């Protein structure tokens, strides 16, 4: 799969359980998911992630939340990265609903 396809493969969906991230799974590439809210630094929330990945973490109320996915090869070198996806506060379920057991 070309690097350009990898870099454009991240999709964000708001689901009852949280934010679902869909992305390409490619042999020999390892997906690392990063998140930030407001102007906080990027935080790696998943190493060697599998698609779909669901972020169930409650977020600060009204915070714009952003995600980016970075692919690494077996040697740990970055091979591709997606653009930044934004989850607008109006799209996000209330924090309490993310804590419910489904």
PDB file of N, CA and C in Angstrom:
ATOM      1  N   UNK A   1       0.856  -1.169   0.000  1.00  0.00           N
ATOM      2  CA  UNK A   1       0.000   0.000   0.000  1.00  0.00           C
ATOM      3  C   UNK A   1       0.904   1.233   0.000  1.00  0.00           C
ATOM      4  N   UNK A   2       0.665   2.190  -0.898  1.00  0.00           N
ATOM      5  CA  UNK A   2       1.501   3.393  -0.948  1.00  0.00           C
ATOM      6  C   UNK A   2       1.370   4.243   0.313  1.00  0.00           C
ATOM      7  N   UNK A   3       2.441   4.982   0.612  1.00  0.00           N
ATOM      8  CA  UNK A   3       2.454   5.862   1.781  1.00  0.00           C
ATOM      9  C   UNK A   3       1.314   6.865   1.732  1.00  0.00           C
ATOM     10  N   UNK A   4       0.977   7.376   0.544  1.00  0.00           N
ATOM     11  CA  UNK A   4      -0.105   8.365   0.448  1.00  0.00           C
ATOM     12  C   UNK A   4      -1.437   7.770   0.883  1.00  0.00           C
ATOM     13  N   UNK A   5      -1.657   6.475   0.605  1.00  0.00           N
ATOM     14  CA  UNK A   5      -2.888   5.820   1.049  1.00  0.00           C
ATOM     15  C   UNK A   5      -2.889   5.673   2.562  1.00  0.00           C
ATOM     16  N   UNK A   6      -1.744   5.296   3.128  1.00  0.00           N
ATOM     17  CA  UNK A   6      -1.653   5.181   4.582  1.00  0.00           C
ATOM     18  C   UNK A   6      -1.926   6.514   5.252  1.00  0.00           C
ATOM     19  N   UNK A   7      -1.376   7.582   4.707  1.00  0.00           N
ATOM     20  CA  UNK A   7      -1.495   8.885   5.349  1.00  0.00           C
ATOM     21  C   UNK A   7      -2.898   9.462   5.273  1.00  0.00           C
ATOM     22  N   UNK A   8      -3.740   8.934   4.406  1.00  0.00           N
ATOM     23  CA  UNK A   8      -5.106   9.459   4.300  1.00  0.00           C
ATOM     24  C   UNK A   8      -6.142   8.468   4.808  1.00  0.00           C
ATOM     25  N   UNK A   9      -5.694   7.448   5.537  1.00  0.00           N
ATOM     26  CA  UNK A   9      -6.604   6.365   5.891  1.00  0.00           C
ATOM     27  C   UNK A   9      -7.385   6.555   7.183  1.00  0.00           C
ATOM     28  N   UNK A  10      -7.116   7.584   7.972  1.00  0.00           N
ATOM     29  CA  UNK A  10      -7.775   7.739   9.267  1.00  0.00           C
ATOM     30  C   UNK A  10      -9.164   8.357   9.112  1.00  0.00           C
ATOM     31  N   UNK A  11     -10.163   7.687   9.717  1.00  0.00           N
ATOM     32  CA  UNK A  11     -11.535   8.196   9.717  1.00  0.00           C
ATOM     33  C   UNK A  11     -12.045   8.194  11.149  1.00  0.00           C
ATOM     34  N   UNK A  12     -12.772   9.234  11.505  1.00  0.00           N
ATOM     35  CA  UNK A  12     -13.303   9.401  12.858  1.00  0.00           C
ATOM     36  C   UNK A  12     -14.816   9.307  12.816  1.00  0.00           C
ATOM     37  N   UNK A  13     -15.377   8.504  13.733  1.00  0.00           N
ATOM     38  CA  UNK A  13     -16.829   8.348  13.849  1.00  0.00           C
ATOM     39  C   UNK A  13     -17.200   8.510  15.315  1.00  0.00           C
ATOM     40  N   UNK A  14     -18.241   9.262  15.580  1.00  0.00           N
ATOM     41  CA  UNK A  14     -18.758   9.396  16.938  1.00  0.00           C
ATOM     42  C   UNK A  14     -19.775   8.275  17.142  1.00  0.00           C
ATOM     43  N   UNK A  15     -19.544   7.431  18.137  1.00  0.00           N
ATOM     44  CA  UNK A  15     -20.412   6.291  18.429  1.00  0.00           C
ATOM     45  C   UNK A  15     -20.806   6.364  19.908  1.00  0.00           C
ATOM     46  N   UNK A  16     -21.825   5.616  20.326  1.00  0.00           N
ATOM     47  CA  UNK A  16     -22.240   5.689  21.734  1.00  0.00           C
ATOM     48  C   UNK A  16     -21.112   5.379  22.726  1.00  0.00           C
ATOM     49  N   UNK A  17     -20.167   4.537  22.353  1.00  0.00           N
ATOM     50  CA  UNK A  17     -19.083   4.173  23.263  1.00  0.00           C
ATOM     51  C   UNK A  17     -17.975   5.216  23.318  1.00  0.00           C
ATOM     52  N   UNK A  18     -17.941   6.148  22.390  1.00  0.00           N
ATOM     53  CA  UNK A  18     -16.884   7.166  22.359  1.00  0.00           C
ATOM     54  C   UNK A  18     -16.575   7.610  20.950  1.00  0.00           C
ATOM     55  N   UNK A  19     -15.286   7.709  20.621  1.00  0.00           N
ATOM     56  CA  UNK A  19     -14.858   8.096  19.283  1.00  0.00           C
ATOM     57  C   UNK A  19     -14.175   6.893  18.646  1.00  0.00           C
ATOM     58  N   UNK A  20     -14.731   6.440  17.515  1.00  0.00           N
ATOM     59  CA  UNK A  20     -14.170   5.278  16.814  1.00  0.00           C
ATOM     60  C   UNK A  20     -13.263   5.769  15.703  1.00  0.00           C
ATOM     61  N   UNK A  21     -12.040   5.259  15.692  1.00  0.00           N
ATOM     62  CA  UNK A  21     -11.073   5.597  14.661  1.00  0.00           C
ATOM     63  C   UNK A  21     -10.860   4.374  13.779  1.00  0.00           C
ATOM     64  N   UNK A  22     -11.111   4.540  12.494  1.00  0.00           N
ATOM     65  CA  UNK A  22     -10.897   3.477  11.512  1.00  0.00           C
ATOM     66  C   UNK A  22      -9.686   3.846  10.676  1.00  0.00           C
ATOM     67  N   UNK A  23      -8.843   2.869  10.399  1.00  0.00           N
ATOM     68  CA  UNK A  23      -7.646   3.124   9.610  1.00  0.00           C
ATOM     69  C   UNK A  23      -7.163   1.828   8.969  1.00  0.00           C
ATOM     70  N   UNK A  24      -6.272   1.961   7.995  1.00  0.00           N
ATOM     71  CA  UNK A  24      -5.734   0.807   7.282  1.00  0.00           C
ATOM     72  C   UNK A  24      -4.808   0.011   8.185  1.00  0.00           C
ATOM     73  N   UNK A  25      -4.916  -1.300   8.108  1.00  0.00           N
ATOM     74  CA  UNK A  25      -4.000  -2.216   8.787  1.00  0.00           C
ATOM     75  C   UNK A  25      -3.088  -2.768   7.705  1.00  0.00           C
ATOM     76  N   UNK A  26      -1.797  -2.547   7.823  1.00  0.00           N
ATOM     77  CA  UNK A  26      -0.854  -2.960   6.795  1.00  0.00           C
ATOM     78  C   UNK A  26       0.240  -3.823   7.424  1.00  0.00           C
ATOM     79  N   UNK A  27       0.476  -5.013   6.886  1.00  0.00           N
ATOM     80  CA  UNK A  27       1.543  -5.849   7.436  1.00  0.00           C
ATOM     81  C   UNK A  27       2.874  -5.092   7.447  1.00  0.00           C
ATOM     82  N   UNK A  28       3.602  -5.221   8.549  1.00  0.00           N
ATOM     83  CA  UNK A  28       4.890  -4.560   8.662  1.00  0.00           C
ATOM     84  C   UNK A  28       4.824  -3.113   9.108  1.00  0.00           C
ATOM     85  N   UNK A  29       3.625  -2.588   9.324  1.00  0.00           N
ATOM     86  CA  UNK A  29       3.444  -1.217   9.801  1.00  0.00           C
ATOM     87  C   UNK A  29       2.685  -1.269  11.123  1.00  0.00           C
ATOM     88  N   UNK A  30       3.110  -0.438  12.056  1.00  0.00           N
ATOM     89  CA  UNK A  30       2.509  -0.404  13.383  1.00  0.00           C
ATOM     90  C   UNK A  30       1.900   0.976  13.600  1.00  0.00           C
ATOM     91  N   UNK A  31       0.640   0.996  14.012  1.00  0.00           N
ATOM     92  CA  UNK A  31      -0.101   2.252  14.149  1.00  0.00           C
ATOM     93  C   UNK A  31      -0.036   2.770  15.579  1.00  0.00           C
ATOM     94  N   UNK A  32       0.344   4.022  15.719  1.00  0.00           N
ATOM     95  CA  UNK A  32       0.363   4.720  17.001  1.00  0.00           C
ATOM     96  C   UNK A  32      -0.655   5.853  16.897  1.00  0.00           C
ATOM     97  N   UNK A  33      -1.583   5.916  17.852  1.00  0.00           N
ATOM     98  CA  UNK A  33      -2.627   6.942  17.829  1.00  0.00           C
ATOM     99  C   UNK A  33      -2.301   7.995  18.879  1.00  0.00           C
ATOM    100  N   UNK A  34      -2.389   9.250  18.460  1.00  0.00           N
ATOM    101  CA  UNK A  34      -2.119  10.391  19.344  1.00  0.00           C
ATOM    102  C   UNK A  34      -3.383  11.242  19.449  1.00  0.00           C
ATOM    103  N   UNK A  35      -3.592  11.833  20.630  1.00  0.00           N
ATOM    104  CA  UNK A  35      -4.755  12.692  20.883  1.00  0.00           C
ATOM    105  C   UNK A  35      -4.294  13.919  21.647  1.00  0.00           C
ATOM    106  N   UNK A  36      -4.968  15.037  21.383  1.00  0.00           N
ATOM    107  CA  UNK A  36      -4.780  16.223  22.225  1.00  0.00           C
ATOM    108  C   UNK A  36      -6.102  16.966  22.300  1.00  0.00           C
ATOM    109  N   UNK A  37      -6.308  17.624  23.441  1.00  0.00           N
ATOM    110  CA  UNK A  37      -7.480  18.474  23.665  1.00  0.00           C
ATOM    111  C   UNK A  37      -6.992  19.862  24.012  1.00  0.00           C
ATOM    112  N   UNK A  38      -7.708  20.840  23.505  1.00  0.00           N
ATOM    113  CA  UNK A  38      -7.331  22.236  23.701  1.00  0.00           C
ATOM    114  C   UNK A  38      -5.916  22.436  23.197  1.00  0.00           C
ATOM    115  N   UNK A  39      -5.083  23.084  23.948  1.00  0.00           N
ATOM    116  CA  UNK A  39      -3.712  23.309  23.491  1.00  0.00           C
ATOM    117  C   UNK A  39      -2.720  22.428  24.254  1.00  0.00           C
ATOM    118  N   UNK A  40      -3.205  21.307  24.757  1.00  0.00           N
ATOM    119  CA  UNK A  40      -2.344  20.366  25.474  1.00  0.00           C
ATOM    120  C   UNK A  40      -1.401  19.680  24.488  1.00  0.00           C
ATOM    121  N   UNK A  41      -0.289  19.143  24.982  1.00  0.00           N
ATOM    122  CA  UNK A  41       0.618  18.423  24.083  1.00  0.00           C
ATOM    123  C   UNK A  41      -0.024  17.118  23.592  1.00  0.00           C
ATOM    124  N   UNK A  42       0.487  16.597  22.486  1.00  0.00           N
ATOM    125  CA  UNK A  42       0.005  15.322  21.968  1.00  0.00           C
ATOM    126  C   UNK A  42       0.317  14.218  22.966  1.00  0.00           C
ATOM    127  N   UNK A  43      -0.635  13.288  23.126  1.00  0.00           N
ATOM    128  CA  UNK A  43      -0.477  12.147  24.022  1.00  0.00           C
ATOM    129  C   UNK A  43      -0.690  10.876  23.207  1.00  0.00           C
ATOM    130  N   UNK A  44       0.249   9.939  23.283  1.00  0.00           N
ATOM    131  CA  UNK A  44       0.079   8.656  22.600  1.00  0.00           C
ATOM    132  C   UNK A  44      -0.907   7.821  23.412  1.00  0.00           C
ATOM    133  N   UNK A  45      -2.042   7.471  22.802  1.00  0.00           N
ATOM    134  CA  UNK A  45      -3.069   6.724  23.528  1.00  0.00           C
ATOM    135  C   UNK A  45      -3.127   5.262  23.114  1.00  0.00           C
ATOM    136  N   UNK A  46      -2.379   4.878  22.055  1.00  0.00           N
ATOM    137  CA  UNK A  46      -2.363   3.478  21.633  1.00  0.00           C
ATOM    138  C   UNK A  46      -1.105   3.187  20.829  1.00  0.00           C
ATOM    139  N   UNK A  47      -0.427   2.112  21.219  1.00  0.00           N
ATOM    140  CA  UNK A  47       0.744   1.607  20.492  1.00  0.00           C
ATOM    141  C   UNK A  47       0.315   0.345  19.758  1.00  0.00           C
ATOM    142  N   UNK A  48       0.762   0.188  18.521  1.00  0.00           N
ATOM    143  CA  UNK A  48       0.417  -0.993  17.723  1.00  0.00           C
ATOM    144  C   UNK A  48      -1.096  -1.219  17.757  1.00  0.00           C
ATOM    145  N   UNK A  49      -1.833  -0.161  17.494  1.00  0.00           N
ATOM    146  CA  UNK A  49      -3.297  -0.172  17.569  1.00  0.00           C
ATOM    147  C   UNK A  49      -3.906  -0.996  16.442  1.00  0.00           C
ATOM    148  N   UNK A  50      -5.048  -1.533  16.707  1.00  0.00           N
ATOM    149  CA  UNK A  50      -5.834  -2.271  15.719  1.00  0.00           C
ATOM    150  C   UNK A  50      -7.060  -1.450  15.354  1.00  0.00           C
ATOM    151  N   UNK A  51      -7.483  -1.593  14.109  1.00  0.00           N
ATOM    152  CA  UNK A  51      -8.667  -0.879  13.632  1.00  0.00           C
ATOM    153  C   UNK A  51      -9.861  -1.826  13.683  1.00  0.00           C
ATOM    154  N   UNK A  52     -11.003  -1.340  14.130  1.00  0.00           N
ATOM    155  CA  UNK A  52     -11.264   0.003  14.650  1.00  0.00           C
ATOM    156  C   UNK A  52     -10.776   0.130  16.095  1.00  0.00           C
ATOM    157  N   UNK A  53     -10.360   1.326  16.439  1.00  0.00           N
ATOM    158  CA  UNK A  53      -9.931   1.668  17.795  1.00  0.00           C
ATOM    159  C   UNK A  53     -10.979   2.587  18.385  1.00  0.00           C
ATOM    160  N   UNK A  54     -11.428   2.305  19.602  1.00  0.00           N
ATOM    161  CA  UNK A  54     -12.428   3.170  20.246  1.00  0.00           C
ATOM    162  C   UNK A  54     -11.777   3.885  21.424  1.00  0.00           C
ATOM    163  N   UNK A  55     -11.812   5.207  21.362  1.00  0.00           N
ATOM    164  CA  UNK A  55     -11.316   6.047  22.451  1.00  0.00           C
ATOM    165  C   UNK A  55     -12.487   6.313  23.381  1.00  0.00           C
ATOM    166  N   UNK A  56     -12.466   5.693  24.543  1.00  0.00           N
ATOM    167  CA  UNK A  56     -13.553   5.819  25.519  1.00  0.00           C
ATOM    168  C   UNK A  56     -13.245   6.840  26.613  1.00  0.00           C
ATOM    169  N   UNK A  57     -12.103   7.446  26.561  1.00  0.00           N
ATOM    170  CA  UNK A  57     -11.668   8.378  27.596  1.00  0.00           C
ATOM    171  C   UNK A  57     -12.592   9.591  27.659  1.00  0.00           C
ATOM    172  N   UNK A  58     -13.103   9.927  28.853  1.00  0.00           N
ATOM    173  CA  UNK A  58     -13.885  11.162  28.973  1.00  0.00           C
ATOM    174  C   UNK A  58     -13.002  12.366  28.642  1.00  0.00           C
ATOM    175  N   UNK A  59     -13.587  13.330  27.975  1.00  0.00           N
ATOM    176  CA  UNK A  59     -12.847  14.513  27.553  1.00  0.00           C
ATOM    177  C   UNK A  59     -13.342  15.746  28.295  1.00  0.00           C
ATOM    178  N   UNK A  60     -12.505  16.769  28.394  1.00  0.00           N
ATOM    179  CA  UNK A  60     -12.937  18.012  29.041  1.00  0.00           C
ATOM    180  C   UNK A  60     -14.157  18.590  28.310  1.00  0.00           C
ATOM    181  N   UNK A  61     -15.143  19.092  29.044  1.00  0.00           N
ATOM    182  CA  UNK A  61     -16.338  19.654  28.409  1.00  0.00           C
ATOM    183  C   UNK A  61     -15.977  20.802  27.461  1.00  0.00           C
ATOM    184  N   UNK A  62     -16.558  20.758  26.283  1.00  0.00           N
ATOM    185  CA  UNK A  62     -16.369  21.837  25.307  1.00  0.00           C
ATOM    186  C   UNK A  62     -15.007  21.876  24.660  1.00  0.00           C
ATOM    187  N   UNK A  63     -14.194  20.855  24.857  1.00  0.00           N
ATOM    188  CA  UNK A  63     -12.835  20.868  24.317  1.00  0.00           C
ATOM    189  C   UNK A  63     -12.814  20.339  22.894  1.00  0.00           C
ATOM    190  N   UNK A  64     -12.167  21.068  22.007  1.00  0.00           N
ATOM    191  CA  UNK A  64     -11.886  20.573  20.676  1.00  0.00           C
ATOM    192  C   UNK A  64     -10.839  19.475  20.844  1.00  0.00           C
ATOM    193  N   UNK A  65     -11.109  18.283  20.322  1.00  0.00           N
ATOM    194  CA  UNK A  65     -10.187  17.158  20.456  1.00  0.00           C
ATOM    195  C   UNK A  65      -9.678  16.785  19.082  1.00  0.00           C
ATOM    196  N   UNK A  66      -8.370  16.524  19.003  1.00  0.00           N
ATOM    197  CA  UNK A  66      -7.745  16.199  17.722  1.00  0.00           C
ATOM    198  C   UNK A  66      -7.041  14.847  17.820  1.00  0.00           C
ATOM    199  N   UNK A  67      -7.008  14.152  16.683  1.00  0.00           N
ATOM    200  CA  UNK A  67      -6.347  12.858  16.582  1.00  0.00           C
ATOM    201  C   UNK A  67      -5.418  12.856  15.382  1.00  0.00           C
ATOM    202  N   UNK A  68      -4.342  12.099  15.508  1.00  0.00           N
ATOM    203  CA  UNK A  68      -3.443  11.836  14.385  1.00  0.00           C
ATOM    204  C   UNK A  68      -2.921  10.415  14.573  1.00  0.00           C
ATOM    205  N   UNK A  69      -2.656   9.743  13.468  1.00  0.00           N
ATOM    206  CA  UNK A  69      -2.146   8.390  13.495  1.00  0.00           C
ATOM    207  C   UNK A  69      -0.792   8.382  12.793  1.00  0.00           C
ATOM    208  N   UNK A  70       0.190   7.743  13.414  1.00  0.00           N
ATOM    209  CA  UNK A  70       1.542   7.665  12.855  1.00  0.00           C
ATOM    210  C   UNK A  70       1.897   6.189  12.695  1.00  0.00           C
ATOM    211  N   UNK A  71       2.313   5.816  11.479  1.00  0.00           N
ATOM    212  CA  UNK A  71       2.749   4.449  11.211  1.00  0.00           C
ATOM    213  C   UNK A  71       4.261   4.344  11.374  1.00  0.00           C
ATOM    214  N   UNK A  72       4.703   3.246  11.995  1.00  0.00           N
ATOM    215  CA  UNK A  72       6.121   2.943  12.168  1.00  0.00           C
ATOM    216  C   UNK A  72       6.413   1.596  11.512  1.00  0.00           C
ATOM    217  N   UNK A  73       7.657   1.401  11.071  1.00  0.00           N
ATOM    218  CA  UNK A  73       8.058   0.084  10.592  1.00  0.00           C
ATOM    219  C   UNK A  73       8.630  -0.706  11.768  1.00  0.00           C
ATOM    220  N   UNK A  74       9.091  -1.930  11.508  1.00  0.00           N
ATOM    221  CA  UNK A  74       9.590  -2.793  12.578  1.00  0.00           C
ATOM    222  C   UNK A  74      10.816  -2.215  13.273  1.00  0.00           C
ATOM    223  N   UNK A  75      11.574  -1.354  12.592  1.00  0.00           N
ATOM    224  CA  UNK A  75      12.755  -0.728  13.186  1.00  0.00           C
ATOM    225  C   UNK A  75      12.400   0.520  13.990  1.00  0.00           C
ATOM    226  N   UNK A  76      11.112   0.900  14.010  1.00  0.00           N
ATOM    227  CA  UNK A  76      10.681   2.071  14.766  1.00  0.00           C
ATOM    228  C   UNK A  76      10.725   3.364  13.982  1.00  0.00           C
ATOM    229  N   UNK A  77      11.061   3.302  12.688  1.00  0.00           N
ATOM    230  CA  UNK A  77      11.090   4.512  11.853  1.00  0.00           C
ATOM    231  C   UNK A  77       9.672   4.885  11.432  1.00  0.00           C
ATOM    232  N   UNK A  78       9.390   6.179  11.406  1.00  0.00           N
ATOM    233  CA  UNK A  78       8.095   6.662  10.936  1.00  0.00           C
ATOM    234  C   UNK A  78       8.022   6.438   9.435  1.00  0.00           C
ATOM    235  N   UNK A  79       6.951   5.778   8.981  1.00  0.00           N
ATOM    236  CA  UNK A  79       6.770   5.512   7.558  1.00  0.00           C
ATOM    237  C   UNK A  79       5.666   6.357   6.942  1.00  0.00           C
ATOM    238  N   UNK A  80       4.709   6.804   7.747  1.00  0.00           N
ATOM    239  CA  UNK A  80       3.616   7.650   7.252  1.00  0.00           C
ATOM    240  C   UNK A  80       2.875   8.229   8.449  1.00  0.00           C
ATOM    241  N   UNK A  81       2.171   9.314   8.205  1.00  0.00           N
ATOM    242  CA  UNK A  81       1.332   9.934   9.232  1.00  0.00           C
ATOM    243  C   UNK A  81       0.097  10.495   8.560  1.00  0.00           C
ATOM    244  N   UNK A  82      -0.997  10.468   9.281  1.00  0.00           N
ATOM    245  CA  UNK A  82      -2.237  11.026   8.748  1.00  0.00           C
ATOM    246  C   UNK A  82      -2.278  12.526   9.012  1.00  0.00           C
ATOM    247  N   UNK A  83      -3.229  13.176   8.397  1.00  0.00           N
ATOM    248  CA  UNK A  83      -3.529  14.549   8.767  1.00  0.00           C
ATOM    249  C   UNK A  83      -4.248  14.547  10.105  1.00  0.00           C
ATOM    250  N   UNK A  84      -4.411  15.711  10.666  1.00  0.00           N
ATOM    251  CA  UNK A  84      -5.094  15.849  11.959  1.00  0.00           C
ATOM    252  C   UNK A  84      -6.603  15.832  11.730  1.00  0.00           C
ATOM    253  N   UNK A  85      -7.303  14.993  12.499  1.00  0.00           N
ATOM    254  CA  UNK A  85      -8.762  14.963  12.481  1.00  0.00           C
ATOM    255  C   UNK A  85      -9.274  15.627  13.743  1.00  0.00           C
ATOM    256  N   UNK A  86     -10.325  16.419  13.601  1.00  0.00           N
ATOM    257  CA  UNK A  86     -10.886  17.128  14.741  1.00  0.00           C
ATOM    258  C   UNK A  86     -12.275  16.590  15.071  1.00  0.00           C
ATOM    259  N   UNK A  87     -12.509  16.387  16.354  1.00  0.00           N
ATOM    260  CA  UNK A  87     -13.835  16.055  16.865  1.00  0.00           C
ATOM    261  C   UNK A  87     -14.344  17.320  17.537  1.00  0.00           C
ATOM    262  N   UNK A  88     -15.318  17.942  16.935  1.00  0.00           N
ATOM    263  CA  UNK A  88     -15.858  19.185  17.476  1.00  0.00           C
ATOM    264  C   UNK A  88     -16.660  18.881  18.738  1.00  0.00           C
ATOM    265  N   UNK A  89     -16.629  19.768  19.733  1.00  0.00           N
ATOM    266  CA  UNK A  89     -17.332  19.516  20.997  1.00  0.00           C
ATOM    267  C   UNK A  89     -18.807  19.169  20.815  1.00  0.00           C
ATOM    268  N   UNK A  90     -19.480  19.758  19.855  1.00  0.00           N
ATOM    269  CA  UNK A  90     -20.900  19.481  19.652  1.00  0.00           C
ATOM    270  C   UNK A  90     -21.134  18.047  19.187  1.00  0.00           C
ATOM    271  N   UNK A  91     -20.130  17.411  18.594  1.00  0.00           N
ATOM    272  CA  UNK A  91     -20.260  16.041  18.109  1.00  0.00           C
ATOM    273  C   UNK A  91     -20.066  15.013  19.209  1.00  0.00           C
ATOM    274  N   UNK A  92     -19.392  15.397  20.284  1.00  0.00           N
ATOM    275  CA  UNK A  92     -18.992  14.433  21.294  1.00  0.00           C
ATOM    276  C   UNK A  92     -20.120  14.106  22.263  1.00  0.00           C
ATOM    277  N   UNK A  93     -20.265  12.828  22.613  1.00  0.00           N
ATOM    278  CA  UNK A  93     -21.264  12.475  23.616  1.00  0.00           C
ATOM    279  C   UNK A  93     -20.837  13.000  24.984  1.00  0.00           C
ATOM    280  N   UNK A  94     -21.780  13.243  25.881  1.00  0.00           N
ATOM    281  CA  UNK A  94     -21.419  13.695  27.223  1.00  0.00           C
ATOM    282  C   UNK A  94     -20.487  12.701  27.900  1.00  0.00           C
ATOM    283  N   UNK A  95     -19.596  13.179  28.739  1.00  0.00           N
ATOM    284  CA  UNK A  95     -18.618  12.322  29.405  1.00  0.00           C
ATOM    285  C   UNK A  95     -19.300  11.188  30.173  1.00  0.00           C
ATOM    286  N   UNK A  96     -20.441  11.456  30.793  1.00  0.00           N
ATOM    287  CA  UNK A  96     -21.131  10.441  31.569  1.00  0.00           C
ATOM    288  C   UNK A  96     -21.533   9.255  30.709  1.00  0.00           C
ATOM    289  N   UNK A  97     -21.904   9.502  29.448  1.00  0.00           N
ATOM    290  CA  UNK A  97     -22.350   8.392  28.605  1.00  0.00           C
ATOM    291  C   UNK A  97     -21.184   7.490  28.233  1.00  0.00           C
ATOM    292  N   UNK A  98     -19.941   7.992  28.300  1.00  0.00           N
ATOM    293  CA  UNK A  98     -18.787   7.164  27.978  1.00  0.00           C
ATOM    294  C   UNK A  98     -18.456   6.207  29.117  1.00  0.00           C
ATOM    295  N   UNK A  99     -19.000   6.461  30.290  1.00  0.00           N
ATOM    296  CA  UNK A  99     -18.710   5.631  31.439  1.00  0.00           C
ATOM    297  C   UNK A  99     -19.709   4.495  31.608  1.00  0.00           C
ATOM    298  N   UNK A 100     -20.803   4.540  30.865  1.00  0.00           N
ATOM    299  CA  UNK A 100     -21.823   3.513  30.975  1.00  0.00           C
ATOM    300  C   UNK A 100     -21.299   2.195  30.415  1.00  0.00           C
ATOM    301  N   UNK A 101     -21.692   1.108  31.028  1.00  0.00           N
ATOM    302  CA  UNK A 101     -21.340  -0.215  30.503  1.00  0.00           C
ATOM    303  C   UNK A 101     -22.394  -0.601  29.487  1.00  0.00           C
ATOM    304  N   UNK A 102     -21.920  -0.990  28.326  1.00  0.00           N
ATOM    305  CA  UNK A 102     -22.859  -1.387  27.256  1.00  0.00           C
ATOM    306  C   UNK A 102     -22.720  -2.837  26.944  1.00  0.00           C
TER     307      UNK A 102
END
